């Protein structure tokens, strides 16, 4: 790995950002988390001609650069020069010169002050000719004092997997799949983490695969990309979620999904599409199944009466349906990533789709679901939780011949 030391003027770095020669949002960064007061502190340091910690850029194969370390500093500079916020002249220690600039934006600065800002030198270390794992190791060492999530650390591993997951996150943004439908934001790389786990489960064809940080990191370091069929299946499930969002907004529904329930629906739909159990024409039936399960969950969570239309859909009696919903809620709000919870949620989603005539799993699993439905129909006094959790012990979750 070659590291070149440079001293670059603020105005030149700002222009590179505008020209997209410097990417401020590489997938290993944490997102724009600095508050405006903190951004003002950095501008204040520039106005006082104080030292700014060096930046680390990684040169890509096409000549552009990604920020390895210093994203928040560059974001603050970009926003100030774009007149997004003004100067705070009251920052300690008091300075007559800075105080005279209070509430001024970049465009309002006197010519001499603006020139000083433009020509302020930033120390930049540019990294080139590196092996895949080297920028990640440097990033880790630079941020040892910063508490990073495992997803943030993992996404500093350059390679095909990181790029593919990044493309999926961009696709989510493009089609509007966000907190409004998923129930959580992409803060601290949460979407990247969810999609990486989803892709790995699909690739391994095993819902019980151990999604440990070690296994995820190993997959990121691999030079092998995910099969395009896996990527297409995930795109299909994300597109489905965009349709769900449109439907819920149009019908004023608040379904309160969680990271757990979102992951499970994405898995069930992606897996069924990947194996050819469902096609694009099944979207309306999928939507109906999705809305009924999540609506029942929402009503039960609020201790309200389940709508008749949902009772008629499931046809397993209100008591049994509420027990199913309670179990789904329990396994969606705790032990989110445990194998047992993933399997139980998958069974409940399969049950919901099966009732609507949709096959989203193997023939062996469909037989098990059929028997479960029969038991729920026949016995009003059955132990629903015991039935489902016993079924989970034998649930295949992939690795089958159909």
Foldseek 3Di string as FASTA:
>chain_A
DDKDKDKDFLQVVLVCVVVQLEDLCQLLDQDQDDDLVVLLVLVVCLLVLHADDAWEWEQDPVRGIYTLPDSNNNVSSNCQCVQVFAHQQPDPPHDPVSVVRHRPGLVRDDPVSNVSNRGRIHIYMYDYPDDQCVSLVVSCVVCVVPDADLSSSLLSRDAQANVLLVVVVVLLVVLVPACQQQVDHCGRNLSSLLVLVLLVCLQVQFLQPDPDSVVSSVVSNDNDHRPVLLSVLLSVLSNLSSVLSVVCVVVVHRLNHYNLLSSLSSNLSSQLVSVVQDDPVCSVLLSVLVCLLSQLLVCLVVPHDRDPVSCVLLQLDPQLSSLLSVLLVVLRPPPSSHSLSSLLSNLSSCLSSVSSVGHRDDPVSNVLSVVLSVCSNPDPPDPNVVSSSVVSVVDGSGPDDD
